[in-house]
Each structure stands twice: as structure tokens, then as C-alpha cells.
Protein backbone atom coordinates (compact mmCIF):
# COMPACT_ATOMS: atom_id res chain seq x y z
CA UNK A 1 8.37 -10.05 32.32
CA UNK A 2 4.65 -10.49 32.14
CA UNK A 3 2.64 -12.50 29.72
CA UNK A 4 -0.83 -13.86 28.78
CA UNK A 5 -1.77 -17.34 27.63
CA UNK A 6 -4.49 -18.46 25.32
CA UNK A 7 -4.99 -22.22 25.47
CA UNK A 8 -6.26 -24.75 22.90
CA UNK A 9 -7.08 -28.20 24.23
CA UNK A 10 -7.00 -31.20 21.90
CA UNK A 11 -4.77 -34.11 21.01
CA UNK A 12 -2.55 -34.06 18.00
CA UNK A 13 -0.53 -36.88 16.42
CA UNK A 14 1.69 -36.52 13.43
CA UNK A 15 -0.85 -37.10 10.65
CA UNK A 16 -0.43 -38.79 7.32
CA UNK A 17 -0.68 -35.31 5.80
CA UNK A 18 2.30 -33.97 7.74
CA UNK A 19 4.34 -37.14 7.11
CA UNK A 20 3.78 -36.60 3.43
CA UNK A 21 4.82 -32.99 3.73
CA UNK A 22 8.06 -34.10 5.48
CA UNK A 23 8.81 -36.61 2.79
CA UNK A 24 8.24 -34.06 0.06
CA UNK A 25 10.47 -31.42 1.69
CA UNK A 26 13.13 -34.05 2.16
CA UNK A 27 13.05 -34.92 -1.53
CA UNK A 28 13.41 -31.28 -2.72
CA UNK A 29 16.53 -30.35 -4.64
CA UNK A 30 18.70 -27.67 -3.18
CA UNK A 31 17.53 -25.16 -5.87
CA UNK A 32 13.82 -25.80 -5.42
CA UNK A 33 11.88 -23.23 -3.43
CA UNK A 34 8.90 -24.07 -1.24
CA UNK A 35 6.63 -22.35 1.29
CA UNK A 36 5.21 -23.97 4.39
CA UNK A 37 1.84 -22.58 5.58
CA UNK A 38 0.94 -23.29 9.25
CA UNK A 39 -2.30 -22.47 11.05
CA UNK A 40 -0.99 -20.78 14.20
CA UNK A 41 -4.16 -19.45 15.79
CA UNK A 42 -7.94 -20.15 15.56
CA UNK A 43 -10.74 -18.30 17.31
CA UNK A 44 -14.28 -19.40 16.70
CA UNK A 45 -15.17 -21.85 13.99
CA UNK A 46 -12.63 -23.43 11.68
CA UNK A 47 -12.30 -26.64 9.68
CA UNK A 48 -8.60 -27.07 10.67
CA UNK A 49 -6.90 -26.62 14.04
CA UNK A 50 -3.64 -24.87 14.97
CA UNK A 51 -0.71 -26.87 13.69
CA UNK A 52 -2.41 -27.82 10.37
CA UNK A 53 0.11 -27.38 7.55
CA UNK A 54 0.25 -27.03 3.76
CA UNK A 55 3.39 -27.20 1.61
CA UNK A 56 3.36 -25.02 -1.49
CA UNK A 57 5.97 -25.59 -4.22
CA UNK A 58 7.07 -22.83 -6.61
CA UNK A 59 5.22 -24.61 -9.46
CA UNK A 60 1.98 -24.26 -7.57
CA UNK A 61 1.75 -27.89 -6.44
CA UNK A 62 0.44 -28.25 -2.85
CA UNK A 63 0.40 -30.92 -0.15
CA UNK A 64 -1.90 -30.69 2.84
CA UNK A 65 -4.59 -28.18 3.69
CA UNK A 66 -5.11 -25.25 6.06
CA UNK A 67 -8.91 -25.00 5.71
CA UNK A 68 -11.85 -26.87 4.23
CA UNK A 69 -10.83 -25.50 0.78
CA UNK A 70 -11.92 -21.86 1.13
CA UNK A 71 -8.52 -20.37 1.97
CA UNK A 72 -6.20 -22.42 -0.13
CA UNK A 73 -6.45 -20.34 -3.32
CA UNK A 74 -5.70 -17.13 -1.47
CA UNK A 75 -2.88 -18.67 0.55
CA UNK A 76 -1.37 -19.89 -2.73
CA UNK A 77 -1.37 -16.35 -4.12
CA UNK A 78 0.24 -15.02 -0.92
CA UNK A 79 2.86 -17.68 -1.02
CA UNK A 80 4.13 -16.33 -4.35
CA UNK A 81 5.26 -13.12 -2.55
CA UNK A 82 6.94 -15.10 0.20
CA UNK A 83 8.83 -17.04 -2.51
CA UNK A 84 9.92 -13.75 -4.06
CA UNK A 85 11.01 -12.03 -0.87
CA UNK A 86 12.25 -15.05 1.03
CA UNK A 87 10.71 -13.57 4.19
CA UNK A 88 8.02 -15.16 6.43
CA UNK A 89 4.57 -13.47 6.65
CA UNK A 90 1.61 -13.82 8.96
CA UNK A 91 -1.92 -13.45 7.55
CA UNK A 92 -5.22 -13.09 9.31
CA UNK A 93 -8.58 -14.24 7.93
CA UNK A 94 -11.50 -12.82 9.87
CA UNK A 95 -15.08 -13.93 9.24
CA UNK A 96 -16.63 -12.92 12.58
CA UNK A 97 -18.47 -9.83 11.17
CA UNK A 98 -19.80 -11.24 7.87
CA UNK A 99 -19.69 -14.96 7.26
CA UNK A 100 -19.75 -14.46 3.47
CA UNK A 101 -17.10 -11.84 3.17
CA UNK A 102 -13.41 -12.35 3.82
CA UNK A 103 -11.30 -11.11 0.92
CA UNK A 104 -14.25 -12.31 -1.29
CA UNK A 105 -13.50 -15.94 -0.21
CA UNK A 106 -17.06 -16.86 0.72
CA UNK A 107 -16.05 -18.77 3.83
CA UNK A 108 -18.86 -20.56 5.64
CA UNK A 109 -17.22 -20.55 9.11
CA UNK A 110 -17.39 -17.63 11.53
CA UNK A 111 -13.95 -17.24 13.11
CA UNK A 112 -10.47 -15.78 13.00
CA UNK A 113 -7.67 -17.84 11.51
CA UNK A 114 -4.03 -16.77 11.42
CA UNK A 115 -1.65 -18.53 9.08
CA UNK A 116 2.11 -18.27 8.97
CA UNK A 117 3.78 -18.54 5.59
CA UNK A 118 7.53 -19.17 5.48
CA UNK A 119 10.19 -20.32 3.03
CA UNK A 120 11.50 -23.81 3.78
CA UNK A 121 14.15 -26.15 2.52
CA UNK A 122 15.48 -29.60 3.38
CA UNK A 123 18.27 -28.27 5.59
CA UNK A 124 16.36 -26.58 8.33
CA UNK A 125 15.99 -27.59 12.00
CA UNK A 126 12.20 -27.65 11.57
CA UNK A 127 12.39 -30.50 9.14
CA UNK A 128 14.81 -32.43 11.29
CA UNK A 129 12.45 -32.01 14.29
CA UNK A 130 9.51 -33.47 12.37
CA UNK A 131 11.70 -36.33 11.17
CA UNK A 132 12.80 -37.16 14.70
CA UNK A 133 9.23 -37.25 15.94
CA UNK A 134 8.22 -39.50 13.08
CA UNK A 135 11.15 -41.87 12.76
CA UNK A 136 12.61 -42.02 16.29
CA UNK A 137 9.19 -41.68 18.03
CA UNK A 138 10.39 -38.77 20.15
CA UNK A 139 8.03 -36.02 21.19
CA UNK A 140 9.14 -32.46 20.43
CA UNK A 141 7.98 -28.94 21.47
CA UNK A 142 8.40 -26.14 18.94
CA UNK A 143 7.97 -22.47 19.78
CA UNK A 144 7.73 -20.24 16.67
CA UNK A 145 7.94 -16.43 16.80
CA UNK A 146 4.81 -15.34 14.85
CA UNK A 147 4.53 -11.64 15.61
CA UNK A 148 6.79 -8.90 17.02
CA UNK A 149 5.80 -5.43 18.31
CA UNK A 150 9.18 -3.83 18.62
CA UNK A 151 11.30 -0.94 17.35
CA UNK A 152 14.00 -3.44 16.47
CA UNK A 153 14.07 -5.21 13.11
CA UNK A 154 13.28 -8.75 14.20
CA UNK A 155 12.02 -11.22 11.64
CA UNK A 156 9.21 -13.62 12.50
CA UNK A 157 9.65 -17.36 11.93
CA UNK A 158 12.53 -17.92 14.36
CA UNK A 159 12.14 -21.02 16.53
CA UNK A 160 13.09 -22.68 19.79
CA UNK A 161 13.02 -26.47 20.03
CA UNK A 162 12.80 -28.61 23.15
CA UNK A 163 13.16 -32.41 23.22
CA UNK A 164 12.69 -35.33 25.62
CA UNK A 165 16.18 -35.13 27.08
CA UNK A 166 15.79 -31.52 28.01
CA UNK A 167 17.84 -29.96 25.23
CA UNK A 168 17.10 -26.70 23.44
CA UNK A 169 17.90 -25.94 19.79
CA UNK A 170 17.55 -22.44 18.29
CA UNK A 171 16.85 -21.29 14.74
CA UNK A 172 16.93 -17.55 13.74
CA UNK A 173 16.06 -16.00 17.12
CA UNK A 174 17.81 -12.93 18.55
CA UNK A 175 20.07 -13.47 21.62
CA UNK A 176 17.76 -11.77 24.08
CA UNK A 177 14.91 -14.23 23.20
CA UNK A 178 17.28 -17.19 23.28
CA UNK A 179 18.24 -16.26 26.81
CA UNK A 180 14.64 -15.66 27.93
CA UNK A 181 14.16 -17.81 31.02
CA UNK A 182 10.35 -17.68 30.93
CA UNK A 183 10.25 -18.85 27.31
CA UNK A 184 12.45 -21.86 28.06
CA UNK A 185 10.50 -22.65 31.25
CA UNK A 186 7.26 -22.59 29.31
CA UNK A 187 8.68 -24.99 26.73
CA UNK A 188 9.70 -27.41 29.51
CA UNK A 189 6.34 -27.13 31.27
CA UNK A 190 4.40 -27.48 28.05
CA UNK A 191 6.34 -30.58 27.04
CA UNK A 192 4.95 -32.49 30.09
CA UNK A 193 1.29 -31.33 29.84
CA UNK A 194 -0.91 -34.17 28.65
CA UNK A 195 -4.15 -32.30 27.65
CA UNK A 196 -2.73 -29.40 25.72
CA UNK A 197 -1.17 -29.56 22.28
CA UNK A 198 -0.60 -25.94 21.44
CA UNK A 199 -0.99 -22.42 22.70
CA UNK A 200 -0.09 -18.83 21.86
CA UNK A 201 1.80 -16.74 24.37
CA UNK A 202 3.04 -13.12 24.19
CA UNK A 203 6.18 -12.15 26.09
CA UNK A 204 6.59 -8.54 27.19
CA UNK A 205 10.26 -7.56 27.22
CA UNK A 206 12.26 -4.33 27.38
CA UNK A 207 12.65 -4.63 23.60
CA UNK A 208 8.98 -5.13 22.87
CA UNK A 209 6.26 -7.68 22.76
CA UNK A 210 6.91 -11.04 21.04
CA UNK A 211 4.21 -13.67 20.40
CA UNK A 212 5.12 -17.32 20.11
CA UNK A 213 3.11 -20.27 18.84
CA UNK A 214 4.00 -23.33 20.90
CA UNK A 215 3.06 -26.68 19.37
CA UNK A 216 3.70 -30.18 20.53
CA UNK A 217 4.82 -32.65 17.83
CA UNK A 218 3.93 -36.16 18.91
CA UNK A 219 4.94 -39.27 16.98
CA UNK A 220 2.25 -41.04 15.02
CA UNK A 221 0.27 -43.85 16.66
CA UNK A 222 1.98 -47.18 16.42
CA UNK A 223 -0.59 -49.87 15.69
CA UNK A 224 0.40 -53.43 16.66
CA UNK A 225 -1.81 -56.18 15.15
CA UNK A 226 -1.29 -59.59 16.73
CA UNK A 227 -2.60 -62.05 14.15
CA UNK A 228 -2.37 -62.10 10.37
CA UNK A 229 -5.77 -63.51 9.47
CA UNK A 230 -8.02 -62.10 6.80
CA UNK A 231 -9.77 -59.81 9.25
CA UNK A 232 -6.46 -58.18 10.16
CA UNK A 233 -5.86 -56.92 6.61
CA UNK A 234 -8.49 -54.11 6.65
CA UNK A 235 -7.39 -53.05 10.17
CA UNK A 236 -3.87 -52.53 8.79
CA UNK A 237 -5.16 -50.66 5.73
CA UNK A 238 -7.43 -48.25 7.59
CA UNK A 239 -4.77 -47.60 10.25
CA UNK A 240 -2.26 -46.82 7.51
CA UNK A 241 -4.73 -44.41 5.88
CA UNK A 242 -4.64 -42.39 9.08
CA UNK A 243 -0.88 -42.18 9.02
CA UNK A 244 -0.29 -44.72 11.78
CA UNK A 245 2.77 -46.92 11.88
CA UNK A 246 1.41 -50.42 11.38
CA UNK A 247 3.15 -53.62 12.53
CA UNK A 248 1.65 -57.13 12.06
CA UNK A 249 2.91 -59.97 14.32
CA UNK A 250 2.21 -63.60 13.56
CA UNK A 251 3.93 -67.04 13.72
CA UNK A 252 2.62 -68.26 10.37
CA UNK A 253 4.74 -67.26 7.39
CA UNK A 254 2.03 -68.31 4.93
CA UNK A 255 -0.23 -65.57 6.36
CA UNK A 256 2.37 -63.02 7.16
CA UNK A 257 3.54 -61.73 3.81
CA UNK A 258 3.86 -58.45 1.97
CA UNK A 259 1.33 -59.41 -0.65
CA UNK A 260 -1.46 -59.57 1.94
CA UNK A 261 -0.18 -56.76 4.12
CA UNK A 262 1.22 -54.39 1.45
CA UNK A 263 0.79 -51.24 3.53
CA UNK A 264 2.29 -52.44 6.81
CA UNK A 265 5.50 -50.86 8.00
CA UNK A 266 6.73 -54.09 9.63
CA UNK A 267 5.85 -57.76 9.33
CA UNK A 268 7.24 -59.67 12.32
CA UNK A 269 7.46 -63.44 12.24
CA UNK A 270 7.44 -64.32 15.93
CA UNK A 271 6.89 -67.86 17.30
CA UNK A 272 6.50 -67.17 21.01
CA UNK A 273 3.98 -65.24 22.98
CA UNK A 274 6.62 -62.94 24.38
CA UNK A 275 6.55 -59.42 22.97
CA UNK A 276 8.98 -58.86 20.11
CA UNK A 277 12.07 -57.07 21.54
CA UNK A 278 12.53 -54.84 18.50
CA UNK A 279 9.22 -53.02 19.00
CA UNK A 280 8.69 -50.05 21.31
CA UNK A 281 5.63 -50.59 23.48
CA UNK A 282 5.18 -46.89 24.57
CA UNK A 283 2.20 -44.73 25.52
CA UNK A 284 1.70 -43.82 21.84
CA UNK A 285 1.11 -47.46 20.93
CA UNK A 286 -2.23 -49.29 20.41
CA UNK A 287 -2.43 -53.10 20.22
CA UNK A 288 -5.16 -55.28 18.76
CA UNK A 289 -5.20 -59.07 19.62
CA UNK A 290 -6.78 -61.09 16.86
CA UNK A 291 -4.85 -64.36 16.56
CA UNK A 292 -7.98 -66.56 16.89
CA UNK A 293 -5.94 -68.77 19.19
CA UNK A 294 -7.10 -68.82 22.83
CA UNK A 295 -3.81 -69.73 24.46
CA UNK A 296 -1.82 -67.34 22.32
CA UNK A 297 -4.29 -64.56 22.94
CA UNK A 298 -4.06 -65.13 26.76
CA UNK A 299 -0.26 -64.90 26.84
CA UNK A 300 -0.10 -61.90 24.52
CA UNK A 301 -2.72 -60.14 26.60
CA UNK A 302 -0.74 -60.71 29.81
CA UNK A 303 2.39 -59.19 28.26
CA UNK A 304 0.53 -56.22 26.80
CA UNK A 305 -1.19 -55.39 30.10
CA UNK A 306 2.27 -55.18 31.66
CA UNK A 307 3.47 -52.77 28.98
CA UNK A 308 2.99 -48.99 28.45
CA UNK A 309 0.61 -49.22 25.52
CA UNK A 310 -2.45 -46.93 25.89
CA UNK A 311 -4.94 -49.28 24.22
CA UNK A 312 -5.44 -53.03 24.03
CA UNK A 313 -8.29 -54.40 21.92
CA UNK A 314 -9.18 -58.10 22.11
CA UNK A 315 -11.38 -59.72 19.47
CA UNK A 316 -14.16 -61.98 20.67
CA UNK A 317 -17.10 -61.85 23.11
CA UNK A 318 -16.93 -60.38 26.61
CA UNK A 319 -17.09 -63.79 28.23
CA UNK A 320 -13.97 -64.88 26.36
CA UNK A 321 -12.03 -61.89 27.68
CA UNK A 322 -13.26 -62.59 31.22
CA UNK A 323 -12.10 -66.24 30.88
CA UNK A 324 -8.63 -65.04 29.71
CA UNK A 325 -8.29 -62.80 32.72
CA UNK A 326 -9.58 -65.45 35.15
CA UNK A 327 -7.01 -67.94 33.90
CA UNK A 328 -4.26 -65.42 34.17
CA UNK A 329 -5.37 -64.71 37.77
CA UNK A 330 -5.35 -68.38 38.63
CA UNK A 331 -1.76 -68.49 37.39
CA UNK A 332 -0.82 -65.55 39.68
CA UNK A 333 -1.13 -62.80 37.10
CA UNK A 334 -3.19 -60.02 38.62
CA UNK A 335 -3.52 -56.51 37.11
CA UNK A 336 -4.33 -53.13 38.53
CA UNK A 337 -7.50 -51.14 37.63
CA UNK A 338 -5.33 -48.80 35.56
CA UNK A 339 -3.93 -51.69 33.52
CA UNK A 340 -7.34 -53.27 33.01
CA UNK A 341 -8.78 -49.90 31.96
CA UNK A 342 -6.62 -50.18 28.78
CA UNK A 343 -8.42 -53.33 27.75
CA UNK A 344 -11.36 -53.09 25.32
CA UNK A 345 -13.12 -56.38 24.85
CA UNK A 346 -15.12 -56.94 22.81
CA UNK A 347 -13.00 -54.64 20.60
CA UNK A 348 -14.53 -51.81 18.58
CA UNK A 349 -17.26 -49.23 18.72
CA UNK A 350 -20.94 -50.27 18.50
CA UNK A 351 -21.71 -49.40 14.93
CA UNK A 352 -23.47 -52.64 13.90
CA UNK A 353 -20.32 -53.95 12.15
CA UNK A 354 -20.85 -57.36 10.50
CA UNK A 355 -18.08 -57.62 7.85
CA UNK A 356 -14.30 -57.64 8.21
CA UNK A 357 -14.08 -54.13 6.73
CA UNK A 358 -16.82 -52.70 8.99
CA UNK A 359 -15.34 -54.40 12.06
CA UNK A 360 -11.88 -52.89 11.14
CA UNK A 361 -13.53 -49.47 10.90
CA UNK A 362 -15.08 -49.89 14.38
CA UNK A 363 -11.71 -50.97 15.81
CA UNK A 364 -9.74 -48.12 14.35
CA UNK A 365 -12.48 -45.63 15.31
CA UNK A 366 -12.40 -46.89 18.89
CA UNK A 367 -8.56 -46.48 19.07
CA UNK A 368 -8.92 -42.91 17.74
CA UNK A 369 -11.66 -42.11 20.31
CA UNK A 370 -9.60 -43.53 23.21
CA UNK A 371 -6.55 -41.65 22.11
CA UNK A 372 -8.56 -38.44 21.87
CA UNK A 373 -10.33 -39.20 25.17
CA UNK A 374 -13.75 -39.21 23.51
CA UNK A 375 -16.65 -41.69 23.85
CA UNK A 376 -17.31 -42.10 20.15
CA UNK A 377 -20.91 -40.84 20.26
CA UNK A 378 -22.91 -38.80 17.77
CA UNK A 379 -21.54 -35.26 17.26
CA UNK A 380 -25.09 -33.92 16.95
CA UNK A 381 -25.64 -34.93 20.59
CA UNK A 382 -22.47 -33.20 21.84
CA UNK A 383 -23.28 -30.21 24.02
CA UNK A 384 -19.99 -28.49 23.68
CA UNK A 385 -17.93 -27.73 20.59
CA UNK A 386 -16.39 -30.41 18.41
CA UNK A 387 -12.93 -29.45 19.62
CA UNK A 388 -12.10 -28.86 23.30
CA UNK A 389 -11.06 -25.25 22.81
CA UNK A 390 -11.27 -22.32 25.21
CA UNK A 391 -11.99 -19.80 22.41
């Protein structure tokens, strides 16, 4: 069995958009039809990346986007046929020859975009997989059959799922693909890659050629805010706007209340500097220390540096952070270079922020840039493309 790989390199977290799609699918009645559109391949310029999704209900209502607005109307029309037939379809939009002519859509980007349209309901394995990534914070790999060059009648849209305990689940794939060793090996290898979020791969078999779209579904960023002061409120609000799971931790019940932090997922009243035991401090978690209490900041910082969080932001000047670390060292708490590299103090990008809202914007933007392995500079100065793609 031989194959070729086309890689796309960028980082993807479960966005607010996809969380809303999951919630909507979950709420559908059994007799309500819907179509899920997924970008499965991009070559050249495109507003959205592979993995972008749009849910289309039979009444025409939509959730999410697959482009900057230029494809949605056409996708909506094509979704009607999918609703009628109940069969998935793959469509290609090509603007490489004439940037103003693709099915009279007047797209402004030069590129090739392939979009999979498929019927969906609230009973499928796909929905359960997205729910698991979101609610249980467990990464998943999904391989979707998007094209088949075969004499056999094999319907696209079948899937293979791989999770963090090495299990495979199958949905609507023929037996010879279920048993394909290379496909399963690729899912396992892809699961552990850190710099690749999706790729397309075609498998040559005795029964034909079968192309799969492999995508990695990561849980949303968990944002932990230590401190419930007034400046923490806009941090929680902007983080929530991005679809992050927001938790606010403080020892003062007068500050820590749902009226002030209406969008937070969790409000944790905690009186010690130990990390709350009911929170997962994993490598998908970012923490911001803004208690405005020196001793509390020091102890929280020590515990966070010993955890698996990928980002720690500390409010206050650089000298303050240096003093915190020096005091910890004097008490026998020393940290490795890798641990200290997670600390960003002063917290935030240098955007001239001087109000609580602007400071919150700089903090959340810095978390996003660190998570995406970017420096947060001007895009107009970037020498390569906006997205780290190989085509």
C-alpha cells in the first residue's frame, strides 16, 4: 500500500463557533434534518482553514462559516440537495485561474477549497467525539473518507476515530478500510504530533484509491484567572468570546460572584494558595495571576510553575516578578528553564494598553500568540504566509 501526504501546519482549538454547532446539533429533535459543511482541503489563499465548519438547518438557518462570506450562499443551495438525498457530497471551489469567477461567486481569494457536505443528527459518533473533546478535555483524531476512486459503491463520509487511550471507533466505513493497518498507524502517529492539526492522505488499495481528511480535535483553552478584581472581569469576558473555558479563583466572596463574572464557567472560592484540586492543570491551560496580593501571588506562582499549564501571566512590573522568583529560590524553590519559559511577566503584549479593557485584550492576545507559537507582531511585516501551510 503506497500513499502521499499533503500537510497543513497550524494549531487548532475547539472554537466558540464549533461549540455552538455542537450545542445546536445536540438540541435538534429527532425529526429535524441538518447538514454539516466542513472545509477539508485548502490550497492557496482562503479565509478559513481545514476543519472550519458550518451547520445548515432545513429551514435555512446557519451556524458557523466556511469562508469569508463568499461561499455560504452557494453552500446553502447545495445543502438542499444533500438534505433531499441523505447522501454526503464533496464540492470544489477553484479560483486559481480567475479570481473573479467561481460559479459567479466573485471570490476575492485565489485558491482551491474543498468542502464536505453531509447529513447529521444528534445520535452520530461525530457529535459524541466533539462533545468529549469539549466537556472531558480529551483530544481526538478523526479521519473522514472524502473521496473514493473505486469500482465499488463506497459512500464518502465514513469515519475512523482515535482517542487518548488508543481506542478506535468506526462509523460507516467498509471492512477492508477498517482493517487497514496504515490508516490506523497514521491516526496513532498523527495523534502525537504537536505541530500538525490536519492533513489529507490518499491510500492506494486493491479496491481503489481512498482519500481521508485527518483532523485533530483539541479541547478549548482553559483560562484560569487568579484574582477577582475589577481588572479580571474583562479578561474573563474576552476569553469567553473566544470560546475558552473560563474559571475565576479568589478567596473573597464579595468579589467572586456571578453578577460580576456572568460569563465564567466556574467561580471557585478558595482560601489557600494551593491549586484547587477540582481543576485540571493540563497543557491546554493558561493561567493569569492578578490577585494584587504579593504573598498570594508568590505562592500561586510556585504551584503553577510546577504544573503542566502552557502559559503563566503575572500582573505587575518585571522587578516584582524577579522578586517573587528570588524569594522562592531563597526558600528552596528552584525552577528549570523550561518551567520559567512559561512565565510572562509583565503579562500581555506591548500594545500601549492603559485601561482594564485594553490590558485584558493584551493579555488574551498574548495567550493566543503563545498557544499558536507566534510572536504577536504586525502581519504586514511577516515574510511568510499568515498560516504555516505547505501549500
